[in-house]
Amino acid sequence: MPSTTTAWRAEPFGTECLRLADQITVALTRLPARRRLERLRKLAVVLAHQKRTGDMSAVEHFIESLVMTERMERDPDYVLAMAGRERPGRARDIEDVIAALEARDSEPGT
């Protein structure tokens, strides 16, 4: 597949910028449509922050997160888990939780 940024190659963009643009484009196109718009909004925020501060770490973190999200969205187990609704459990007193953990840890063989 040719680079999505081939048209930009003649412009004064560095190769690192083009590589990042390719990563973002590929990951966004693989996301379900319902997730793309929110990720594009987040990208705009991240890029505005980078422009203000000059710090690329937020952009790099965003790309890593985007790629992981895209991979999870293609994982059937993840999709199945996210499709189910989690029901809230009953409220438990913290002392009861601690006591249950201590009892479990004190059982033989643990």
PDB file of N, CA and C in Angstrom:
ATOM      1  N   MET A   1       0.847  -1.172   0.000  1.00  0.00           N
ATOM      2  CA  MET A   1       0.000   0.000   0.000  1.00  0.00           C
ATOM      3  C   MET A   1       0.888   1.229   0.000  1.00  0.00           C
ATOM      4  N   PRO A   2       0.693   2.146  -0.915  1.00  0.00           N
ATOM      5  CA  PRO A   2       1.507   3.353  -0.924  1.00  0.00           C
ATOM      6  C   PRO A   2       1.177   4.222   0.280  1.00  0.00           C
ATOM      7  N   SER A   3       2.121   5.026   0.666  1.00  0.00           N
ATOM      8  CA  SER A   3       1.946   5.908   1.801  1.00  0.00           C
ATOM      9  C   SER A   3       0.764   6.830   1.587  1.00  0.00           C
ATOM     10  N   THR A   4       0.036   7.086   2.652  1.00  0.00           N
ATOM     11  CA  THR A   4      -1.099   8.008   2.562  1.00  0.00           C
ATOM     12  C   THR A   4      -0.641   9.442   2.446  1.00  0.00           C
ATOM     13  N   THR A   5       0.627   9.667   2.681  1.00  0.00           N
ATOM     14  CA  THR A   5       1.153  11.037   2.639  1.00  0.00           C
ATOM     15  C   THR A   5       2.071  11.264   1.444  1.00  0.00           C
ATOM     16  N   THR A   6       1.957  10.454   0.411  1.00  0.00           N
ATOM     17  CA  THR A   6       2.818  10.579  -0.763  1.00  0.00           C
ATOM     18  C   THR A   6       2.763  11.984  -1.345  1.00  0.00           C
ATOM     19  N   ALA A   7       1.601  12.594  -1.348  1.00  0.00           N
ATOM     20  CA  ALA A   7       1.465  13.930  -1.926  1.00  0.00           C
ATOM     21  C   ALA A   7       2.264  14.973  -1.152  1.00  0.00           C
ATOM     22  N   TRP A   8       2.564  14.708   0.094  1.00  0.00           N
ATOM     23  CA  TRP A   8       3.290  15.665   0.915  1.00  0.00           C
ATOM     24  C   TRP A   8       4.808  15.542   0.780  1.00  0.00           C
ATOM     25  N   ARG A   9       5.277  14.507   0.171  1.00  0.00           N
ATOM     26  CA  ARG A   9       6.709  14.216   0.172  1.00  0.00           C
ATOM     27  C   ARG A   9       7.563  15.351  -0.383  1.00  0.00           C
ATOM     28  N   ALA A  10       7.036  16.129  -1.302  1.00  0.00           N
ATOM     29  CA  ALA A  10       7.815  17.221  -1.887  1.00  0.00           C
ATOM     30  C   ALA A  10       7.862  18.433  -0.962  1.00  0.00           C
ATOM     31  N   GLU A  11       6.969  18.483  -0.010  1.00  0.00           N
ATOM     32  CA  GLU A  11       6.927  19.605   0.926  1.00  0.00           C
ATOM     33  C   GLU A  11       8.007  19.446   1.981  1.00  0.00           C
ATOM     34  N   PRO A  12       8.243  20.490   2.760  1.00  0.00           N
ATOM     35  CA  PRO A  12       9.334  20.447   3.746  1.00  0.00           C
ATOM     36  C   PRO A  12       8.980  19.732   5.046  1.00  0.00           C
ATOM     37  N   PHE A  13       8.217  18.653   4.981  1.00  0.00           N
ATOM     38  CA  PHE A  13       7.929  17.858   6.171  1.00  0.00           C
ATOM     39  C   PHE A  13       9.059  16.867   6.363  1.00  0.00           C
ATOM     40  N   GLY A  14       9.449  16.668   7.598  1.00  0.00           N
ATOM     41  CA  GLY A  14      10.482  15.680   7.879  1.00  0.00           C
ATOM     42  C   GLY A  14       9.931  14.274   7.756  1.00  0.00           C
ATOM     43  N   THR A  15      10.803  13.310   7.601  1.00  0.00           N
ATOM     44  CA  THR A  15      10.361  11.920   7.453  1.00  0.00           C
ATOM     45  C   THR A  15       9.672  11.420   8.720  1.00  0.00           C
ATOM     46  N   GLU A  16      10.078  11.931   9.879  1.00  0.00           N
ATOM     47  CA  GLU A  16       9.422  11.518  11.132  1.00  0.00           C
ATOM     48  C   GLU A  16       7.969  11.979  11.150  1.00  0.00           C
ATOM     49  N   CYS A  17       7.726  13.194  10.703  1.00  0.00           N
ATOM     50  CA  CYS A  17       6.361  13.724  10.638  1.00  0.00           C
ATOM     51  C   CYS A  17       5.506  12.882   9.698  1.00  0.00           C
ATOM     52  N   LEU A  18       6.069  12.508   8.580  1.00  0.00           N
ATOM     53  CA  LEU A  18       5.337  11.689   7.610  1.00  0.00           C
ATOM     54  C   LEU A  18       5.048  10.299   8.160  1.00  0.00           C
ATOM     55  N   ARG A  19       6.010   9.729   8.886  1.00  0.00           N
ATOM     56  CA  ARG A  19       5.803   8.408   9.497  1.00  0.00           C
ATOM     57  C   ARG A  19       4.672   8.467  10.516  1.00  0.00           C
ATOM     58  N   LEU A  20       4.656   9.511  11.339  1.00  0.00           N
ATOM     59  CA  LEU A  20       3.592   9.663  12.334  1.00  0.00           C
ATOM     60  C   LEU A  20       2.242   9.862  11.659  1.00  0.00           C
ATOM     61  N   ALA A  21       2.206  10.657  10.591  1.00  0.00           N
ATOM     62  CA  ALA A  21       0.955  10.878   9.862  1.00  0.00           C
ATOM     63  C   ALA A  21       0.435   9.564   9.277  1.00  0.00           C
ATOM     64  N   ASP A  22       1.339   8.749   8.758  1.00  0.00           N
ATOM     65  CA  ASP A  22       0.931   7.440   8.228  1.00  0.00           C
ATOM     66  C   ASP A  22       0.358   6.561   9.329  1.00  0.00           C
ATOM     67  N   GLN A  23       1.013   6.528  10.483  1.00  0.00           N
ATOM     68  CA  GLN A  23       0.525   5.709  11.597  1.00  0.00           C
ATOM     69  C   GLN A  23      -0.871   6.147  12.025  1.00  0.00           C
ATOM     70  N   ILE A  24      -1.063   7.455  12.160  1.00  0.00           N
ATOM     71  CA  ILE A  24      -2.365   7.972  12.581  1.00  0.00           C
ATOM     72  C   ILE A  24      -3.434   7.639  11.550  1.00  0.00           C
ATOM     73  N   THR A  25      -3.127   7.856  10.278  1.00  0.00           N
ATOM     74  CA  THR A  25      -4.100   7.602   9.209  1.00  0.00           C
ATOM     75  C   THR A  25      -4.516   6.142   9.169  1.00  0.00           C
ATOM     76  N   VAL A  26      -3.546   5.251   9.229  1.00  0.00           N
ATOM     77  CA  VAL A  26      -3.856   3.816   9.177  1.00  0.00           C
ATOM     78  C   VAL A  26      -4.693   3.405  10.379  1.00  0.00           C
ATOM     79  N   ALA A  27      -4.301   3.837  11.577  1.00  0.00           N
ATOM     80  CA  ALA A  27      -5.042   3.459  12.782  1.00  0.00           C
ATOM     81  C   ALA A  27      -6.460   4.020  12.759  1.00  0.00           C
ATOM     82  N   LEU A  28      -6.621   5.263  12.340  1.00  0.00           N
ATOM     83  CA  LEU A  28      -7.960   5.860  12.290  1.00  0.00           C
ATOM     84  C   LEU A  28      -8.862   5.151  11.292  1.00  0.00           C
ATOM     85  N   THR A  29      -8.320   4.777  10.138  1.00  0.00           N
ATOM     86  CA  THR A  29      -9.159   4.123   9.137  1.00  0.00           C
ATOM     87  C   THR A  29      -9.573   2.723   9.572  1.00  0.00           C
ATOM     88  N   ARG A  30      -8.827   2.120  10.468  1.00  0.00           N
ATOM     89  CA  ARG A  30      -9.178   0.780  10.953  1.00  0.00           C
ATOM     90  C   ARG A  30     -10.163   0.812  12.121  1.00  0.00           C
ATOM     91  N   LEU A  31     -10.354   1.979  12.715  1.00  0.00           N
ATOM     92  CA  LEU A  31     -11.320   2.085  13.812  1.00  0.00           C
ATOM     93  C   LEU A  31     -12.741   2.047  13.272  1.00  0.00           C
ATOM     94  N   PRO A  32     -13.665   1.544  14.071  1.00  0.00           N
ATOM     95  CA  PRO A  32     -15.071   1.645  13.665  1.00  0.00           C
ATOM     96  C   PRO A  32     -15.455   3.121  13.536  1.00  0.00           C
ATOM     97  N   ALA A  33     -16.372   3.408  12.657  1.00  0.00           N
ATOM     98  CA  ALA A  33     -16.764   4.794  12.379  1.00  0.00           C
ATOM     99  C   ALA A  33     -17.189   5.536  13.651  1.00  0.00           C
ATOM    100  N   ARG A  34     -17.847   4.848  14.560  1.00  0.00           N
ATOM    101  CA  ARG A  34     -18.345   5.498  15.771  1.00  0.00           C
ATOM    102  C   ARG A  34     -17.221   5.995  16.665  1.00  0.00           C
ATOM    103  N   ARG A  35     -16.018   5.472  16.514  1.00  0.00           N
ATOM    104  CA  ARG A  35     -14.876   5.856  17.352  1.00  0.00           C
ATOM    105  C   ARG A  35     -13.965   6.893  16.681  1.00  0.00           C
ATOM    106  N   ARG A  36     -14.074   7.047  15.380  1.00  0.00           N
ATOM    107  CA  ARG A  36     -13.153   7.934  14.658  1.00  0.00           C
ATOM    108  C   ARG A  36     -13.278   9.393  15.060  1.00  0.00           C
ATOM    109  N   LEU A  37     -14.499   9.890  15.149  1.00  0.00           N
ATOM    110  CA  LEU A  37     -14.708  11.303  15.437  1.00  0.00           C
ATOM    111  C   LEU A  37     -14.136  11.684  16.797  1.00  0.00           C
ATOM    112  N   GLU A  38     -14.359  10.866  17.807  1.00  0.00           N
ATOM    113  CA  GLU A  38     -13.813  11.187  19.133  1.00  0.00           C
ATOM    114  C   GLU A  38     -12.287  11.160  19.122  1.00  0.00           C
ATOM    115  N   ARG A  39     -11.699  10.244  18.375  1.00  0.00           N
ATOM    116  CA  ARG A  39     -10.236  10.186  18.287  1.00  0.00           C
ATOM    117  C   ARG A  39      -9.679  11.376  17.509  1.00  0.00           C
ATOM    118  N   LEU A  40     -10.395  11.829  16.474  1.00  0.00           N
ATOM    119  CA  LEU A  40      -9.969  13.017  15.736  1.00  0.00           C
ATOM    120  C   LEU A  40     -10.015  14.253  16.628  1.00  0.00           C
ATOM    121  N   ARG A  41     -11.044  14.338  17.463  1.00  0.00           N
ATOM    122  CA  ARG A  41     -11.127  15.463  18.402  1.00  0.00           C
ATOM    123  C   ARG A  41      -9.958  15.434  19.379  1.00  0.00           C
ATOM    124  N   LYS A  42      -9.652  14.260  19.898  1.00  0.00           N
ATOM    125  CA  LYS A  42      -8.530  14.125  20.824  1.00  0.00           C
ATOM    126  C   LYS A  42      -7.219  14.481  20.117  1.00  0.00           C
ATOM    127  N   LEU A  43      -7.065  14.073  18.876  1.00  0.00           N
ATOM    128  CA  LEU A  43      -5.864  14.410  18.111  1.00  0.00           C
ATOM    129  C   LEU A  43      -5.722  15.930  17.986  1.00  0.00           C
ATOM    130  N   ALA A  44      -6.813  16.629  17.739  1.00  0.00           N
ATOM    131  CA  ALA A  44      -6.758  18.087  17.630  1.00  0.00           C
ATOM    132  C   ALA A  44      -6.276  18.715  18.936  1.00  0.00           C
ATOM    133  N   VAL A  45      -6.748  18.196  20.061  1.00  0.00           N
ATOM    134  CA  VAL A  45      -6.317  18.702  21.369  1.00  0.00           C
ATOM    135  C   VAL A  45      -4.833  18.437  21.577  1.00  0.00           C
ATOM    136  N   VAL A  46      -4.398  17.230  21.252  1.00  0.00           N
ATOM    137  CA  VAL A  46      -2.994  16.847  21.424  1.00  0.00           C
ATOM    138  C   VAL A  46      -2.090  17.700  20.544  1.00  0.00           C
ATOM    139  N   LEU A  47      -2.490  17.915  19.305  1.00  0.00           N
ATOM    140  CA  LEU A  47      -1.679  18.728  18.398  1.00  0.00           C
ATOM    141  C   LEU A  47      -1.624  20.195  18.843  1.00  0.00           C
ATOM    142  N   ALA A  48      -2.719  20.700  19.387  1.00  0.00           N
ATOM    143  CA  ALA A  48      -2.711  22.071  19.906  1.00  0.00           C
ATOM    144  C   ALA A  48      -1.749  22.184  21.086  1.00  0.00           C
ATOM    145  N   HIS A  49      -1.760  21.176  21.948  1.00  0.00           N
ATOM    146  CA  HIS A  49      -0.828  21.151  23.086  1.00  0.00           C
ATOM    147  C   HIS A  49       0.615  21.102  22.590  1.00  0.00           C
ATOM    148  N   GLN A  50       0.869  20.264  21.601  1.00  0.00           N
ATOM    149  CA  GLN A  50       2.231  20.147  21.059  1.00  0.00           C
ATOM    150  C   GLN A  50       2.681  21.458  20.433  1.00  0.00           C
ATOM    151  N   LYS A  51       1.787  22.132  19.750  1.00  0.00           N
ATOM    152  CA  LYS A  51       2.146  23.395  19.115  1.00  0.00           C
ATOM    153  C   LYS A  51       2.486  24.453  20.167  1.00  0.00           C
ATOM    154  N   ARG A  52       1.721  24.457  21.280  1.00  0.00           N
ATOM    155  CA  ARG A  52       1.974  25.408  22.355  1.00  0.00           C
ATOM    156  C   ARG A  52       3.281  25.129  23.076  1.00  0.00           C
ATOM    157  N   THR A  53       3.545  23.861  23.359  1.00  0.00           N
ATOM    158  CA  THR A  53       4.676  23.502  24.219  1.00  0.00           C
ATOM    159  C   THR A  53       5.908  23.047  23.451  1.00  0.00           C
ATOM    160  N   GLY A  54       5.710  22.544  22.223  1.00  0.00           N
ATOM    161  CA  GLY A  54       6.823  21.976  21.466  1.00  0.00           C
ATOM    162  C   GLY A  54       7.177  20.566  21.906  1.00  0.00           C
ATOM    163  N   ASP A  55       6.425  20.017  22.839  1.00  0.00           N
ATOM    164  CA  ASP A  55       6.688  18.689  23.388  1.00  0.00           C
ATOM    165  C   ASP A  55       5.989  17.619  22.558  1.00  0.00           C
ATOM    166  N   MET A  56       6.774  16.734  21.953  1.00  0.00           N
ATOM    167  CA  MET A  56       6.218  15.669  21.109  1.00  0.00           C
ATOM    168  C   MET A  56       5.748  14.459  21.906  1.00  0.00           C
ATOM    169  N   SER A  57       6.044  14.393  23.196  1.00  0.00           N
ATOM    170  CA  SER A  57       5.707  13.188  23.960  1.00  0.00           C
ATOM    171  C   SER A  57       4.202  12.940  23.994  1.00  0.00           C
ATOM    172  N   ALA A  58       3.398  13.996  24.063  1.00  0.00           N
ATOM    173  CA  ALA A  58       1.939  13.810  24.071  1.00  0.00           C
ATOM    174  C   ALA A  58       1.456  13.230  22.745  1.00  0.00           C
ATOM    175  N   VAL A  59       2.056  13.666  21.643  1.00  0.00           N
ATOM    176  CA  VAL A  59       1.687  13.143  20.328  1.00  0.00           C
ATOM    177  C   VAL A  59       2.076  11.667  20.233  1.00  0.00           C
ATOM    178  N   GLU A  60       3.279  11.340  20.676  1.00  0.00           N
ATOM    179  CA  GLU A  60       3.731   9.949  20.638  1.00  0.00           C
ATOM    180  C   GLU A  60       2.844   9.064  21.508  1.00  0.00           C
ATOM    181  N   HIS A  61       2.472   9.555  22.692  1.00  0.00           N
ATOM    182  CA  HIS A  61       1.580   8.790  23.568  1.00  0.00           C
ATOM    183  C   HIS A  61       0.214   8.597  22.910  1.00  0.00           C
ATOM    184  N   PHE A  62      -0.306   9.650  22.277  1.00  0.00           N
ATOM    185  CA  PHE A  62      -1.589   9.545  21.591  1.00  0.00           C
ATOM    186  C   PHE A  62      -1.542   8.472  20.514  1.00  0.00           C
ATOM    187  N   ILE A  63      -0.476   8.469  19.736  1.00  0.00           N
ATOM    188  CA  ILE A  63      -0.360   7.490  18.646  1.00  0.00           C
ATOM    189  C   ILE A  63      -0.303   6.080  19.213  1.00  0.00           C
ATOM    190  N   GLU A  64       0.488   5.862  20.265  1.00  0.00           N
ATOM    191  CA  GLU A  64       0.560   4.533  20.886  1.00  0.00           C
ATOM    192  C   GLU A  64      -0.818   4.102  21.383  1.00  0.00           C
ATOM    193  N   SER A  65      -1.522   5.013  22.028  1.00  0.00           N
ATOM    194  CA  SER A  65      -2.866   4.719  22.531  1.00  0.00           C
ATOM    195  C   SER A  65      -3.832   4.424  21.386  1.00  0.00           C
ATOM    196  N   LEU A  66      -3.738   5.209  20.316  1.00  0.00           N
ATOM    197  CA  LEU A  66      -4.605   5.009  19.154  1.00  0.00           C
ATOM    198  C   LEU A  66      -4.371   3.641  18.522  1.00  0.00           C
ATOM    199  N   VAL A  67      -3.113   3.258  18.373  1.00  0.00           N
ATOM    200  CA  VAL A  67      -2.787   1.953  17.776  1.00  0.00           C
ATOM    201  C   VAL A  67      -3.297   0.824  18.671  1.00  0.00           C
ATOM    202  N   MET A  68      -3.131   0.955  19.992  1.00  0.00           N
ATOM    203  CA  MET A  68      -3.637  -0.080  20.898  1.00  0.00           C
ATOM    204  C   MET A  68      -5.158  -0.171  20.838  1.00  0.00           C
ATOM    205  N   THR A  69      -5.819   0.982  20.795  1.00  0.00           N
ATOM    206  CA  THR A  69      -7.278   0.997  20.708  1.00  0.00           C
ATOM    207  C   THR A  69      -7.747   0.325  19.428  1.00  0.00           C
ATOM    208  N   GLU A  70      -7.074   0.644  18.339  1.00  0.00           N
ATOM    209  CA  GLU A  70      -7.440   0.056  17.042  1.00  0.00           C
ATOM    210  C   GLU A  70      -7.280  -1.460  17.084  1.00  0.00           C
ATOM    211  N   ARG A  71      -6.213  -1.952  17.690  1.00  0.00           N
ATOM    212  CA  ARG A  71      -6.007  -3.400  17.793  1.00  0.00           C
ATOM    213  C   ARG A  71      -7.077  -4.049  18.658  1.00  0.00           C
ATOM    214  N   MET A  72      -7.422  -3.409  19.768  1.00  0.00           N
ATOM    215  CA  MET A  72      -8.455  -3.965  20.645  1.00  0.00           C
ATOM    216  C   MET A  72      -9.797  -4.014  19.940  1.00  0.00           C
ATOM    217  N   GLU A  73     -10.102  -2.979  19.174  1.00  0.00           N
ATOM    218  CA  GLU A  73     -11.389  -2.929  18.473  1.00  0.00           C
ATOM    219  C   GLU A  73     -11.535  -4.054  17.450  1.00  0.00           C
ATOM    220  N   ARG A  74     -10.427  -4.643  17.024  1.00  0.00           N
ATOM    221  CA  ARG A  74     -10.481  -5.757  16.075  1.00  0.00           C
ATOM    222  C   ARG A  74     -10.433  -7.109  16.781  1.00  0.00           C
ATOM    223  N   ASP A  75     -10.251  -7.120  18.097  1.00  0.00           N
ATOM    224  CA  ASP A  75     -10.163  -8.364  18.863  1.00  0.00           C
ATOM    225  C   ASP A  75     -11.580  -8.812  19.244  1.00  0.00           C
ATOM    226  N   PRO A  76     -12.023  -9.975  18.751  1.00  0.00           N
ATOM    227  CA  PRO A  76     -13.396 -10.416  19.021  1.00  0.00           C
ATOM    228  C   PRO A  76     -13.699 -10.547  20.515  1.00  0.00           C
ATOM    229  N   ASP A  77     -12.736 -10.977  21.316  1.00  0.00           N
ATOM    230  CA  ASP A  77     -12.963 -11.104  22.761  1.00  0.00           C
ATOM    231  C   ASP A  77     -13.197  -9.740  23.407  1.00  0.00           C
ATOM    232  N   TYR A  78     -12.431  -8.750  22.989  1.00  0.00           N
ATOM    233  CA  TYR A  78     -12.603  -7.396  23.511  1.00  0.00           C
ATOM    234  C   TYR A  78     -13.975  -6.850  23.115  1.00  0.00           C
ATOM    235  N   VAL A  79     -14.341  -7.016  21.857  1.00  0.00           N
ATOM    236  CA  VAL A  79     -15.626  -6.520  21.373  1.00  0.00           C
ATOM    237  C   VAL A  79     -16.766  -7.179  22.145  1.00  0.00           C
ATOM    238  N   LEU A  80     -16.667  -8.486  22.376  1.00  0.00           N
ATOM    239  CA  LEU A  80     -17.693  -9.204  23.127  1.00  0.00           C
ATOM    240  C   LEU A  80     -17.774  -8.696  24.564  1.00  0.00           C
ATOM    241  N   ALA A  81     -16.626  -8.502  25.197  1.00  0.00           N
ATOM    242  CA  ALA A  81     -16.601  -8.012  26.573  1.00  0.00           C
ATOM    243  C   ALA A  81     -17.194  -6.609  26.671  1.00  0.00           C
ATOM    244  N   MET A  82     -16.914  -5.762  25.692  1.00  0.00           N
ATOM    245  CA  MET A  82     -17.416  -4.395  25.729  1.00  0.00           C
ATOM    246  C   MET A  82     -18.902  -4.319  25.377  1.00  0.00           C
ATOM    247  N   ALA A  83     -19.420  -5.324  24.722  1.00  0.00           N
ATOM    248  CA  ALA A  83     -20.831  -5.319  24.341  1.00  0.00           C
ATOM    249  C   ALA A  83     -21.735  -5.554  25.550  1.00  0.00           C
ATOM    250  N   GLY A  84     -21.227  -6.298  26.531  1.00  0.00           N
ATOM    251  CA  GLY A  84     -22.020  -6.588  27.725  1.00  0.00           C
ATOM    252  C   GLY A  84     -22.067  -5.390  28.653  1.00  0.00           C
ATOM    253  N   ARG A  85     -23.158  -5.257  29.332  1.00  0.00           N
ATOM    254  CA  ARG A  85     -23.324  -4.170  30.301  1.00  0.00           C
ATOM    255  C   ARG A  85     -22.911  -4.672  31.683  1.00  0.00           C
ATOM    256  N   GLU A  86     -22.077  -3.911  32.333  1.00  0.00           N
ATOM    257  CA  GLU A  86     -21.674  -4.271  33.688  1.00  0.00           C
ATOM    258  C   GLU A  86     -22.747  -3.785  34.650  1.00  0.00           C
ATOM    259  N   ARG A  87     -23.159  -4.685  35.523  1.00  0.00           N
ATOM    260  CA  ARG A  87     -24.160  -4.313  36.512  1.00  0.00           C
ATOM    261  C   ARG A  87     -23.461  -3.924  37.806  1.00  0.00           C
ATOM    262  N   PRO A  88     -23.931  -2.874  38.426  1.00  0.00           N
ATOM    263  CA  PRO A  88     -23.294  -2.483  39.681  1.00  0.00           C
ATOM    264  C   PRO A  88     -23.558  -3.531  40.754  1.00  0.00           C
ATOM    265  N   GLY A  89     -22.544  -3.812  41.533  1.00  0.00           N
ATOM    266  CA  GLY A  89     -22.701  -4.747  42.646  1.00  0.00           C
ATOM    267  C   GLY A  89     -23.228  -4.021  43.871  1.00  0.00           C
ATOM    268  N   ARG A  90     -23.498  -4.783  44.883  1.00  0.00           N
ATOM    269  CA  ARG A  90     -23.990  -4.142  46.103  1.00  0.00           C
ATOM    270  C   ARG A  90     -22.817  -3.448  46.786  1.00  0.00           C
ATOM    271  N   ALA A  91     -23.125  -2.386  47.479  1.00  0.00           N
ATOM    272  CA  ALA A  91     -22.088  -1.650  48.198  1.00  0.00           C
ATOM    273  C   ALA A  91     -21.554  -2.525  49.331  1.00  0.00           C
ATOM    274  N   ARG A  92     -20.236  -2.520  49.487  1.00  0.00           N
ATOM    275  CA  ARG A  92     -19.624  -3.329  50.540  1.00  0.00           C
ATOM    276  C   ARG A  92     -18.797  -2.430  51.441  1.00  0.00           C
ATOM    277  N   ASP A  93     -18.811  -2.761  52.696  1.00  0.00           N
ATOM    278  CA  ASP A  93     -18.031  -2.025  53.672  1.00  0.00           C
ATOM    279  C   ASP A  93     -16.557  -2.397  53.503  1.00  0.00           C
ATOM    280  N   ILE A  94     -15.671  -1.412  53.611  1.00  0.00           N
ATOM    281  CA  ILE A  94     -14.258  -1.654  53.385  1.00  0.00           C
ATOM    282  C   ILE A  94     -13.687  -2.676  54.378  1.00  0.00           C
ATOM    283  N   GLU A  95     -14.184  -2.673  55.616  1.00  0.00           N
ATOM    284  CA  GLU A  95     -13.709  -3.652  56.600  1.00  0.00           C
ATOM    285  C   GLU A  95     -14.059  -5.080  56.179  1.00  0.00           C
ATOM    286  N   ASP A  96     -15.239  -5.250  55.566  1.00  0.00           N
ATOM    287  CA  ASP A  96     -15.628  -6.573  55.072  1.00  0.00           C
ATOM    288  C   ASP A  96     -14.708  -7.029  53.947  1.00  0.00           C
ATOM    289  N   VAL A  97     -14.346  -6.113  53.072  1.00  0.00           N
ATOM    290  CA  VAL A  97     -13.454  -6.440  51.962  1.00  0.00           C
ATOM    291  C   VAL A  97     -12.082  -6.836  52.498  1.00  0.00           C
ATOM    292  N   ILE A  98     -11.564  -6.059  53.431  1.00  0.00           N
ATOM    293  CA  ILE A  98     -10.253  -6.360  54.021  1.00  0.00           C
ATOM    294  C   ILE A  98     -10.278  -7.705  54.733  1.00  0.00           C
ATOM    295  N   ALA A  99     -11.330  -7.965  55.480  1.00  0.00           N
ATOM    296  CA  ALA A  99     -11.445  -9.239  56.190  1.00  0.00           C
ATOM    297  C   ALA A  99     -11.491 -10.407  55.210  1.00  0.00           C
ATOM    298  N   ALA A 100     -12.207 -10.255  54.108  1.00  0.00           N
ATOM    299  CA  ALA A 100     -12.285 -11.328  53.118  1.00  0.00           C
ATOM    300  C   ALA A 100     -10.920 -11.566  52.473  1.00  0.00           C
ATOM    301  N   LEU A 101     -10.188 -10.511  52.186  1.00  0.00           N
ATOM    302  CA  LEU A 101      -8.859 -10.657  51.603  1.00  0.00           C
ATOM    303  C   LEU A 101      -7.894 -11.319  52.586  1.00  0.00           C
ATOM    304  N   GLU A 102      -7.948 -10.912  53.836  1.00  0.00           N
ATOM    305  CA  GLU A 102      -7.076 -11.503  54.849  1.00  0.00           C
ATOM    306  C   GLU A 102      -7.416 -12.986  55.047  1.00  0.00           C
ATOM    307  N   ALA A 103      -8.711 -13.308  55.063  1.00  0.00           N
ATOM    308  CA  ALA A 103      -9.102 -14.715  55.214  1.00  0.00           C
ATOM    309  C   ALA A 103      -8.628 -15.544  54.036  1.00  0.00           C
ATOM    310  N   ARG A 104      -8.718 -15.002  52.844  1.00  0.00           N
ATOM    311  CA  ARG A 104      -8.262 -15.723  51.672  1.00  0.00           C
ATOM    312  C   ARG A 104      -6.768 -15.949  51.715  1.00  0.00           C
ATOM    313  N   ASP A 105      -6.031 -14.922  52.131  1.00  0.00           N
ATOM    314  CA  ASP A 105      -4.573 -15.025  52.197  1.00  0.00           C
ATOM    315  C   ASP A 105      -4.081 -15.950  53.287  1.00  0.00           C
ATOM    316  N   SER A 106      -4.899 -16.164  54.319  1.00  0.00           N
ATOM    317  CA  SER A 106      -4.459 -17.018  55.425  1.00  0.00           C
ATOM    318  C   SER A 106      -4.838 -18.483  55.228  1.00  0.00           C
ATOM    319  N   GLU A 107      -5.563 -18.783  54.147  1.00  0.00           N
ATOM    320  CA  GLU A 107      -5.934 -20.169  53.881  1.00  0.00           C
ATOM    321  C   GLU A 107      -4.690 -20.968  53.548  1.00  0.00           C
ATOM    322  N   PRO A 108      -4.669 -22.258  53.959  1.00  0.00           N
ATOM    323  CA  PRO A 108      -3.508 -23.093  53.644  1.00  0.00           C
ATOM    324  C   PRO A 108      -3.357 -23.263  52.135  1.00  0.00           C
ATOM    325  N   GLY A 109      -2.092 -23.275  51.677  1.00  0.00           N
ATOM    326  CA  GLY A 109      -1.817 -23.495  50.276  1.00  0.00           C
ATOM    327  C   GLY A 109      -1.774 -22.238  49.449  1.00  0.00           C
ATOM    328  N   THR A 110      -1.912 -21.084  50.105  1.00  0.00           N
ATOM    329  CA  THR A 110      -1.851 -19.823  49.343  1.00  0.00           C
ATOM    330  C   THR A 110      -0.602 -19.067  49.665  1.00  0.00           C
TER     331      THR A 110
END
